[in-house]
Amino acid sequence: MPLERALVLERFRRTRARTRALFDLVDPAAYYQRPIALRNPIVFYEGHLPAFAVNTLIKRGLGQPGVDEALETIFARGIDPDTEAAAVARGNPAWPSRSVVLDYVTAADRLIADAIAGADLERDDHPLLQNAQALWAILEHEEMHQETLVYMWHQLPHAWKKKPEHYLTAPPRLAHGVRAAGRVHMPGGTTSMGTDGANGAFAWDNERPSHRMRVAPFEIDVYGVTNADFMAFVEAGGYRESRWWRAEDFAWVQTEAVIHPSFWHRDQGRWQWRGMFESVPLPEEWPAYVTWAEANAYAAWRGMRLPTEAEFQRAAYGTPEGHERRYPWGEALSRRPPENFDFLRWDPDPVDAHPDAASAFGVHDLVGNGWEWTSTVFAPFEGFEPLASYPEYSAEFFDGDHFVMKGASPVTARELVRPGFRNWFRPRYPYVYAKFRCVKAAP
């Protein structure tokens, strides 16, 4: 299939425009701040995204010179600090001014756009250019980073961010009917895992090789666990009962004095949701954003468990007839998504706000409104091969301490919404937009 350069160029420009808008949301005073301790300061990421594109596509892929060797070294991947001491050591004097960064960004964007328009990006004799791999990698790399940038922005004080005009953190509740309780019975069957590389479709290395997996019958919650549901666990003393937690997770609860989800806080005796731009009274019908450790403890408290990755796949994409859908709701993705992703909002919606996006089995809110935790440890599929354009992308995280997440969050780009896409985080990382639901074996 020939490369549709005009469409790719439009995607590149749209992606870069969104990234620039994200950085423009933040007060310039925060440019050298680290909103999340074990991350680089904000300045790094504005330079990193174009530098990754230049390093990967222009220099390694096409064998051509970049823009600025010094900046492409400073902003290269792999220098995120792994300790607080290392983060502090790379203080503000190590970073260029924003004007220098923006000059580099302009030059890099021009170089990439010219390459998309006319360079030989698709060649069988170069591993980075087979099926235009390096091109798709740089686009998806940036789209994924946009989400992790939002996680950082969320940790900044509200005064350091510009709330978009007309944005409502908690719009008035629309009438969607009474949220049905209960679970859906999922019959046993097989489900697709990963992404098929047929026709040159891009997929990250951890999505391949695609394969089928048998899934035993199970029952799954119709809706994800809401803030109101999770409040019952909090009020029942769930954070004080070690029996619900793995030993390492309960040690974290005690050491960090964790007593509620990190997106909640108390103000004058009332529970509040700490949104992107303001705090609002805790919306009971929104999904509970929690760590894997908290989700796993809640599931144990309910006498249930988290779904496996394969169970999620079956509930989201399977059908009673036996075939699989491209999306839970069908085969097409409209210009305006039917669920809460692709930056429609900066915060969640009620779990029952999108009835038309339910899966064929009647499970709601699976793709959008927050990633969904699974019980599956992030690991390679049998036959895994590192991606030539980004060989360390997955392999560095096959350490037994990351769990697979599926679906999408409000700030997941539409281009990343595919059945085989796999996200992952550590079990006690408190910043990710991740929700969950519970399952149990079928009787």
Protein backbone atom coordinates (compact mmCIF):
# COMPACT_ATOMS: atom_id res chain seq x y z
CA MET A 1 0.00 0.00 0.00
CA PRO A 2 1.59 3.32 -1.04
CA LEU A 3 2.25 5.91 1.65
CA GLU A 4 -0.49 8.56 1.65
CA ARG A 5 1.83 11.47 2.31
CA ALA A 6 -0.80 14.19 2.45
CA LEU A 7 -2.71 12.35 5.19
CA VAL A 8 0.45 11.60 7.11
CA LEU A 9 1.60 15.21 6.88
CA GLU A 10 -1.79 16.36 8.15
CA ARG A 11 -1.52 13.95 11.11
CA PHE A 12 2.00 15.15 11.87
CA ARG A 13 0.97 18.81 11.84
CA ARG A 14 -2.13 18.13 13.91
CA THR A 15 -0.07 16.22 16.47
CA ARG A 16 2.56 18.95 16.70
CA ALA A 17 -0.14 21.61 17.09
CA ARG A 18 -1.69 19.70 19.98
CA THR A 19 1.69 19.35 21.66
CA ARG A 20 2.36 23.09 21.34
CA ALA A 21 -1.09 23.82 22.79
CA LEU A 22 -0.29 21.57 25.75
CA PHE A 23 2.89 23.47 26.55
CA ASP A 24 1.08 26.77 26.14
CA LEU A 25 -1.38 25.73 28.87
CA VAL A 26 1.39 25.97 31.45
CA ASP A 27 2.61 29.17 33.09
CA PRO A 28 6.18 29.98 31.95
CA ALA A 29 7.20 30.00 35.63
CA ALA A 30 6.74 26.22 35.64
CA TYR A 31 9.03 25.54 32.67
CA TYR A 32 11.90 24.19 34.76
CA GLN A 33 9.71 22.52 37.38
CA ARG A 34 9.32 18.77 37.83
CA PRO A 35 5.64 18.22 38.62
CA ILE A 36 6.37 14.50 39.10
CA ALA A 37 9.55 13.93 41.07
CA LEU A 38 11.11 11.11 39.06
CA ARG A 39 10.66 12.84 35.74
CA ASN A 40 12.68 15.49 34.01
CA PRO A 41 11.52 19.12 34.12
CA ILE A 42 8.97 20.35 31.61
CA VAL A 43 11.65 21.89 29.39
CA PHE A 44 13.05 18.43 28.60
CA TYR A 45 9.85 17.16 27.02
CA GLU A 46 9.33 20.14 24.72
CA GLY A 47 12.75 19.41 23.23
CA HIS A 48 12.56 15.64 23.50
CA LEU A 49 9.62 15.12 21.16
CA PRO A 50 11.14 16.75 18.05
CA ALA A 51 14.60 15.44 18.96
CA PHE A 52 13.31 11.87 19.12
CA ALA A 53 11.78 12.34 15.67
CA VAL A 54 15.02 13.72 14.23
CA ASN A 55 17.21 11.09 15.90
CA THR A 56 14.97 8.22 14.83
CA LEU A 57 13.76 9.15 11.35
CA ILE A 58 16.27 11.63 9.95
CA LYS A 59 19.55 10.43 11.43
CA ARG A 60 19.11 6.70 12.07
CA GLY A 61 16.52 6.05 9.38
CA LEU A 62 17.53 8.25 6.47
CA GLY A 63 21.18 8.65 7.43
CA GLN A 64 21.00 12.42 7.11
CA PRO A 65 22.26 15.14 9.48
CA GLY A 66 19.99 16.48 12.18
CA VAL A 67 19.50 20.05 13.35
CA ASP A 68 21.75 20.45 16.40
CA GLU A 69 23.86 17.56 17.66
CA ALA A 70 24.23 19.01 21.16
CA LEU A 71 20.48 19.48 21.67
CA GLU A 72 19.72 16.10 20.13
CA THR A 73 21.99 14.58 22.76
CA ILE A 74 20.53 16.57 25.67
CA PHE A 75 16.99 15.74 24.60
CA ALA A 76 17.60 12.10 23.69
CA ARG A 77 15.52 9.35 25.19
CA GLY A 78 16.97 7.52 28.16
CA ILE A 79 17.94 10.35 30.49
CA ASP A 80 14.87 10.30 32.72
CA PRO A 81 16.31 10.17 36.24
CA ASP A 82 15.73 6.97 38.18
CA THR A 83 16.28 8.52 41.61
CA GLU A 84 15.45 11.82 43.25
CA ALA A 85 19.17 12.57 43.66
CA ALA A 86 19.79 12.08 39.95
CA ALA A 87 16.85 14.32 39.11
CA VAL A 88 18.13 17.12 41.34
CA ALA A 89 21.63 16.80 39.86
CA ARG A 90 20.28 17.71 36.43
CA GLY A 91 19.11 21.10 37.62
CA ASN A 92 18.04 24.13 35.62
CA PRO A 93 21.57 25.17 34.55
CA ALA A 94 21.73 22.04 32.39
CA TRP A 95 18.73 23.06 30.30
CA PRO A 96 18.49 25.67 27.52
CA SER A 97 16.08 28.61 27.54
CA ARG A 98 12.64 28.19 26.04
CA SER A 99 13.54 30.48 23.13
CA VAL A 100 16.42 28.16 22.25
CA VAL A 101 14.13 25.15 22.55
CA LEU A 102 11.46 26.73 20.35
CA ASP A 103 14.00 27.65 17.68
CA TYR A 104 15.08 24.03 17.65
CA VAL A 105 11.46 22.86 17.52
CA THR A 106 10.75 25.03 14.47
CA ALA A 107 13.78 23.73 12.59
CA ALA A 108 13.11 20.12 13.53
CA ASP A 109 9.46 20.33 12.51
CA ARG A 110 10.45 21.72 9.13
CA LEU A 111 12.96 18.91 8.63
CA ILE A 112 10.43 16.21 9.52
CA ALA A 113 7.68 17.77 7.39
CA ASP A 114 10.02 17.91 4.38
CA ALA A 115 10.92 14.26 4.91
CA ILE A 116 7.26 13.23 5.09
CA ALA A 117 6.57 15.17 1.89
CA GLY A 118 9.40 13.83 -0.21
CA ALA A 119 11.94 11.48 1.41
CA ASP A 120 12.29 7.77 0.69
CA LEU A 121 10.59 6.63 3.91
CA GLU A 122 9.55 3.13 2.90
CA ARG A 123 12.32 0.72 1.89
CA ASP A 124 12.77 -3.00 2.34
CA ASP A 125 16.57 -2.77 2.61
CA HIS A 126 16.62 -0.81 5.87
CA PRO A 127 15.02 -2.19 9.08
CA LEU A 128 13.88 1.25 10.26
CA LEU A 129 12.19 1.97 6.94
CA GLN A 130 10.42 -1.30 6.31
CA ASN A 131 6.71 -0.47 6.10
CA ALA A 132 7.72 3.11 7.04
CA GLN A 133 8.29 1.88 10.60
CA ALA A 134 10.33 4.87 11.80
CA LEU A 135 7.69 7.30 10.55
CA TRP A 136 4.85 5.59 12.41
CA ALA A 137 7.01 5.20 15.51
CA ILE A 138 7.74 8.93 15.81
CA LEU A 139 4.06 9.81 15.34
CA GLU A 140 2.80 7.36 17.95
CA HIS A 141 5.67 8.22 20.30
CA GLU A 142 4.49 11.81 20.40
CA GLU A 143 0.82 10.91 20.71
CA MET A 144 1.64 8.72 23.71
CA HIS A 145 3.79 11.43 25.25
CA GLN A 146 0.92 13.90 25.04
CA GLU A 147 -0.92 11.78 27.57
CA THR A 148 2.01 11.51 29.94
CA LEU A 149 2.48 15.27 29.68
CA VAL A 150 -1.09 15.71 30.88
CA TYR A 151 -0.31 13.49 33.88
CA MET A 152 2.50 15.90 34.74
CA TRP A 153 0.36 18.99 34.17
CA HIS A 154 -2.29 17.52 36.47
CA GLN A 155 0.20 17.67 39.35
CA LEU A 156 0.88 21.39 38.90
CA PRO A 157 -0.98 23.89 41.07
CA HIS A 158 -4.16 25.06 39.37
CA ALA A 159 -2.86 28.63 39.30
CA TRP A 160 -0.06 27.53 36.95
CA LYS A 161 -2.43 26.36 34.22
CA LYS A 162 -4.79 28.17 31.85
CA LYS A 163 -8.26 26.68 31.89
CA PRO A 164 -9.66 26.59 28.34
CA GLU A 165 -12.56 28.96 27.75
CA HIS A 166 -15.98 27.36 28.24
CA TYR A 167 -14.52 24.14 29.71
CA LEU A 168 -16.62 22.65 32.53
CA THR A 169 -14.83 20.29 34.86
CA ALA A 170 -18.09 18.74 36.05
CA PRO A 171 -20.93 19.52 33.62
CA PRO A 172 -24.51 19.14 34.84
CA ARG A 173 -25.48 15.48 34.92
CA LEU A 174 -27.33 14.49 31.78
CA ALA A 175 -30.19 12.02 32.00
CA HIS A 176 -28.85 8.61 31.04
CA GLY A 177 -31.20 6.51 33.11
CA VAL A 178 -30.43 4.71 36.32
CA ARG A 179 -27.04 3.00 36.29
CA ALA A 180 -27.70 -0.70 36.24
CA ALA A 181 -25.88 -2.77 38.80
CA GLY A 182 -24.64 -6.27 38.28
CA ARG A 183 -22.44 -8.28 36.02
CA VAL A 184 -22.47 -9.78 32.54
CA HIS A 185 -21.90 -13.48 32.02
CA MET A 186 -19.16 -14.00 29.45
CA PRO A 187 -19.21 -17.41 27.78
CA GLY A 188 -15.92 -19.14 27.14
CA GLY A 189 -14.27 -18.69 23.79
CA THR A 190 -11.13 -17.49 22.05
CA THR A 191 -9.95 -13.91 21.73
CA SER A 192 -7.33 -12.11 19.66
CA MET A 193 -4.25 -10.86 21.43
CA GLY A 194 -1.96 -8.23 19.97
CA THR A 195 -2.01 -6.62 16.54
CA ASP A 196 -1.81 -8.42 13.22
CA GLY A 197 0.95 -6.94 11.05
CA ALA A 198 -0.82 -7.78 7.80
CA ASN A 199 -0.79 -5.11 5.10
CA GLY A 200 2.07 -3.28 6.80
CA ALA A 201 -0.05 -2.04 9.71
CA PHE A 202 2.12 -0.48 12.43
CA ALA A 203 2.23 -2.03 15.89
CA TRP A 204 4.66 -1.77 18.78
CA ASP A 205 6.84 -4.78 19.44
CA ASN A 206 4.90 -5.81 22.57
CA GLU A 207 1.77 -6.18 20.41
CA ARG A 208 3.40 -8.86 18.24
CA PRO A 209 3.15 -11.56 17.20
CA SER A 210 -0.64 -11.58 17.27
CA HIS A 211 -2.22 -14.82 18.39
CA ARG A 212 -5.41 -16.35 19.75
CA MET A 213 -6.02 -17.26 23.36
CA ARG A 214 -8.66 -19.41 24.97
CA VAL A 215 -10.69 -17.73 27.72
CA ALA A 216 -12.78 -19.66 30.25
CA PRO A 217 -16.27 -18.40 31.16
CA PHE A 218 -16.34 -15.50 33.63
CA GLU A 219 -18.54 -12.71 34.96
CA ILE A 220 -17.57 -9.06 34.60
CA ASP A 221 -18.96 -5.82 36.01
CA VAL A 222 -21.24 -4.00 33.59
CA TYR A 223 -19.68 -0.69 34.66
CA GLY A 224 -16.34 0.22 36.13
CA VAL A 225 -15.97 0.94 39.84
CA THR A 226 -17.16 4.48 40.57
CA ASN A 227 -16.01 6.95 43.19
CA ALA A 228 -19.14 6.10 45.18
CA ASP A 229 -18.34 2.38 44.96
CA PHE A 230 -14.76 2.94 46.05
CA MET A 231 -15.87 5.22 48.90
CA ALA A 232 -17.48 2.19 50.51
CA PHE A 233 -14.05 0.52 50.62
CA VAL A 234 -12.49 3.66 52.12
CA GLU A 235 -15.19 4.01 54.76
CA ALA A 236 -14.99 0.31 55.63
CA GLY A 237 -11.36 0.78 56.61
CA GLY A 238 -9.96 -0.92 53.53
CA TYR A 239 -6.68 1.01 53.71
CA ARG A 240 -6.14 -0.26 57.26
CA GLU A 241 -6.72 -3.96 56.57
CA SER A 242 -3.60 -5.75 55.36
CA ARG A 243 -5.59 -8.83 54.32
CA TRP A 244 -6.81 -7.08 51.16
CA TRP A 245 -3.33 -6.09 49.95
CA ARG A 246 -0.19 -7.76 48.70
CA ALA A 247 2.58 -7.33 51.28
CA GLU A 248 4.58 -4.86 49.14
CA ASP A 249 1.46 -2.83 48.42
CA PHE A 250 0.41 -2.61 52.05
CA ALA A 251 3.94 -1.54 52.95
CA TRP A 252 3.48 1.33 50.47
CA VAL A 253 0.14 2.25 52.05
CA GLN A 254 1.76 2.44 55.47
CA THR A 255 5.00 4.14 54.44
CA GLU A 256 3.30 6.78 52.30
CA ALA A 257 0.28 7.14 54.62
CA VAL A 258 -2.11 6.43 51.74
CA ILE A 259 -5.72 6.58 52.91
CA HIS A 260 -7.63 7.41 49.70
CA PRO A 261 -7.07 7.71 45.92
CA SER A 262 -4.60 10.41 44.93
CA PHE A 263 -7.18 12.29 42.86
CA TRP A 264 -9.34 12.82 45.96
CA HIS A 265 -8.79 15.31 48.75
CA ARG A 266 -10.70 16.72 51.70
CA ASP A 267 -11.70 20.37 51.94
CA GLN A 268 -13.61 21.58 55.00
CA GLY A 269 -14.82 18.08 55.69
CA ARG A 270 -16.03 17.39 52.12
CA TRP A 271 -14.53 15.08 49.55
CA GLN A 272 -13.27 16.83 46.44
CA TRP A 273 -12.03 15.72 43.01
CA ARG A 274 -8.72 17.33 42.10
CA GLY A 275 -9.33 18.01 38.43
CA MET A 276 -6.94 19.37 35.85
CA PHE A 277 -7.95 23.01 36.30
CA GLU A 278 -9.92 23.11 39.56
CA SER A 279 -11.29 21.03 42.40
CA VAL A 280 -14.99 20.11 42.44
CA PRO A 281 -17.19 18.12 44.82
CA LEU A 282 -16.34 14.45 44.26
CA PRO A 283 -18.55 13.20 41.40
CA GLU A 284 -19.89 9.91 42.70
CA GLU A 285 -20.74 8.54 39.26
CA TRP A 286 -17.28 9.08 37.75
CA PRO A 287 -14.86 6.15 37.57
CA ALA A 288 -12.43 5.86 40.45
CA TYR A 289 -8.89 6.61 39.23
CA VAL A 290 -6.61 4.47 41.37
CA THR A 291 -3.31 2.60 41.33
CA TRP A 292 -3.18 -1.09 40.48
CA ALA A 293 -2.49 -1.79 44.15
CA GLU A 294 -5.69 -0.02 45.22
CA ALA A 295 -7.73 -1.67 42.46
CA ASN A 296 -6.43 -5.10 43.41
CA ALA A 297 -7.20 -4.53 47.10
CA TYR A 298 -10.74 -3.33 46.33
CA ALA A 299 -11.38 -6.39 44.15
CA ALA A 300 -10.19 -8.68 46.95
CA TRP A 301 -12.45 -6.83 49.40
CA ARG A 302 -15.38 -7.57 47.09
CA GLY A 303 -14.41 -11.21 46.85
CA MET A 304 -13.50 -10.79 43.20
CA ARG A 305 -10.37 -10.02 41.15
CA LEU A 306 -9.10 -7.89 38.29
CA PRO A 307 -9.62 -9.23 34.76
CA THR A 308 -6.78 -10.70 32.78
CA GLU A 309 -5.76 -9.00 29.56
CA ALA A 310 -7.43 -11.79 27.59
CA GLU A 311 -10.67 -11.42 29.55
CA PHE A 312 -10.70 -7.70 28.82
CA GLN A 313 -10.18 -8.41 25.12
CA ARG A 314 -13.07 -10.85 25.05
CA ALA A 315 -15.45 -8.52 26.89
CA ALA A 316 -14.48 -5.51 24.78
CA TYR A 317 -14.21 -6.91 21.26
CA GLY A 318 -15.92 -10.29 21.23
CA THR A 319 -19.50 -10.96 20.13
CA PRO A 320 -22.06 -13.65 20.95
CA GLU A 321 -21.89 -14.68 17.28
CA GLY A 322 -18.19 -15.48 17.56
CA HIS A 323 -16.57 -12.77 15.42
CA GLU A 324 -14.68 -9.79 16.81
CA ARG A 325 -15.25 -6.06 16.40
CA ARG A 326 -12.73 -3.34 15.66
CA TYR A 327 -14.14 -1.31 18.57
CA PRO A 328 -16.51 -2.31 21.37
CA TRP A 329 -19.34 -0.42 19.64
CA GLY A 330 -18.70 -1.63 16.07
CA GLU A 331 -16.35 -1.24 13.13
CA ALA A 332 -16.15 2.53 12.67
CA LEU A 333 -14.70 5.46 14.61
CA SER A 334 -16.59 8.67 13.86
CA ARG A 335 -15.00 12.09 13.72
CA ARG A 336 -16.29 12.72 17.24
CA PRO A 337 -15.55 9.58 19.26
CA PRO A 338 -18.54 7.87 20.89
CA GLU A 339 -16.55 7.61 24.13
CA ASN A 340 -14.41 9.92 26.25
CA PHE A 341 -11.02 9.90 24.52
CA ASP A 342 -9.03 11.94 21.97
CA PHE A 343 -9.01 15.01 24.24
CA LEU A 344 -12.77 15.49 24.26
CA ARG A 345 -12.39 16.32 27.96
CA TRP A 346 -9.69 16.82 30.60
CA ASP A 347 -11.62 14.85 33.22
CA PRO A 348 -13.84 11.74 33.32
CA ASP A 349 -17.50 11.37 32.44
CA PRO A 350 -20.05 9.33 34.41
CA VAL A 351 -19.55 5.62 33.75
CA ASP A 352 -22.97 5.38 32.06
CA ALA A 353 -22.63 8.51 29.94
CA HIS A 354 -21.98 6.67 26.66
CA PRO A 355 -24.54 3.85 26.30
CA ASP A 356 -23.99 3.67 22.52
CA ALA A 357 -20.37 2.63 23.12
CA ALA A 358 -21.23 -0.58 24.98
CA SER A 359 -19.70 -3.82 23.75
CA ALA A 360 -21.67 -6.56 22.01
CA PHE A 361 -22.01 -8.31 25.37
CA GLY A 362 -23.42 -5.18 27.05
CA VAL A 363 -20.31 -4.12 28.98
CA HIS A 364 -20.00 -0.33 29.18
CA ASP A 365 -17.18 2.20 29.22
CA LEU A 366 -14.41 -0.20 28.18
CA VAL A 367 -12.49 2.01 25.76
CA GLY A 368 -12.31 5.61 26.95
CA ASN A 369 -12.84 7.50 30.22
CA GLY A 370 -9.73 5.93 31.75
CA TRP A 371 -7.38 3.02 31.09
CA GLU A 372 -8.45 -0.26 32.68
CA TRP A 373 -6.14 -2.20 34.95
CA THR A 374 -5.71 -5.90 34.33
CA SER A 375 -4.09 -8.59 36.46
CA THR A 376 -1.68 -9.44 33.63
CA VAL A 377 1.99 -8.70 34.24
CA PHE A 378 3.49 -6.84 31.28
CA ALA A 379 5.59 -9.39 29.42
CA PRO A 380 6.46 -10.26 25.82
CA PHE A 381 4.32 -12.52 23.70
CA GLU A 382 6.02 -15.71 22.54
CA GLY A 383 8.11 -14.83 19.50
CA PHE A 384 8.72 -11.22 20.61
CA GLU A 385 11.26 -9.23 18.59
CA PRO A 386 12.36 -5.70 19.55
CA LEU A 387 11.29 -2.92 17.20
CA ALA A 388 14.21 -1.77 15.08
CA SER A 389 13.28 1.91 15.36
CA TYR A 390 12.93 1.81 19.17
CA PRO A 391 14.41 -1.45 20.52
CA GLU A 392 14.25 -0.41 24.18
CA TYR A 393 10.58 0.65 24.02
CA SER A 394 9.17 -2.48 25.69
CA ALA A 395 12.13 -4.62 26.70
CA GLU A 396 13.24 -2.35 29.55
CA PHE A 397 9.87 -2.84 31.25
CA PHE A 398 9.70 -6.64 31.15
CA ASP A 399 10.75 -6.68 34.79
CA GLY A 400 7.75 -8.31 36.45
CA ASP A 401 6.77 -5.03 38.12
CA HIS A 402 4.46 -3.51 35.51
CA PHE A 403 0.85 -4.42 34.77
CA VAL A 404 -0.99 -4.24 31.47
CA MET A 405 -3.68 -1.61 31.01
CA LYS A 406 -6.19 -1.64 28.17
CA GLY A 407 -8.64 0.79 26.61
CA ALA A 408 -8.02 4.54 26.59
CA SER A 409 -8.24 7.62 28.80
CA PRO A 410 -9.79 11.03 28.08
CA VAL A 411 -6.40 12.18 26.75
CA THR A 412 -5.51 9.16 24.61
CA ALA A 413 -5.17 10.10 20.94
CA ARG A 414 -7.61 8.36 18.62
CA GLU A 415 -4.75 6.91 16.57
CA LEU A 416 -3.74 4.74 19.55
CA VAL A 417 -7.21 3.24 20.03
CA ARG A 418 -6.84 -0.24 18.58
CA PRO A 419 -7.61 -3.63 20.14
CA GLY A 420 -4.01 -4.77 20.34
CA PHE A 421 -2.52 -1.64 21.92
CA ARG A 422 -1.01 -2.35 25.34
CA ASN A 423 -0.22 0.25 27.99
CA TRP A 424 1.55 -0.52 31.26
CA PHE A 425 2.52 1.07 34.57
CA ARG A 426 3.95 0.09 37.92
CA PRO A 427 1.39 -1.04 40.52
CA ARG A 428 1.81 1.91 42.87
CA TYR A 429 2.22 4.77 40.36
CA PRO A 430 -0.46 7.28 41.45
CA TYR A 431 -0.65 9.70 38.51
CA VAL A 432 -2.15 7.69 35.66
CA TYR A 433 -5.77 8.01 34.53
CA ALA A 434 -6.64 4.40 35.29
CA LYS A 435 -9.94 2.87 36.35
CA PHE A 436 -10.96 -0.74 36.79
CA ARG A 437 -13.74 -3.26 37.07
CA CYS A 438 -13.96 -6.64 38.77
CA VAL A 439 -14.50 -10.17 37.51
CA LYS A 440 -15.10 -13.60 38.97
CA ALA A 441 -15.21 -17.12 37.63
CA ALA A 442 -18.56 -18.09 36.15
CA PRO A 443 -20.55 -20.59 38.22
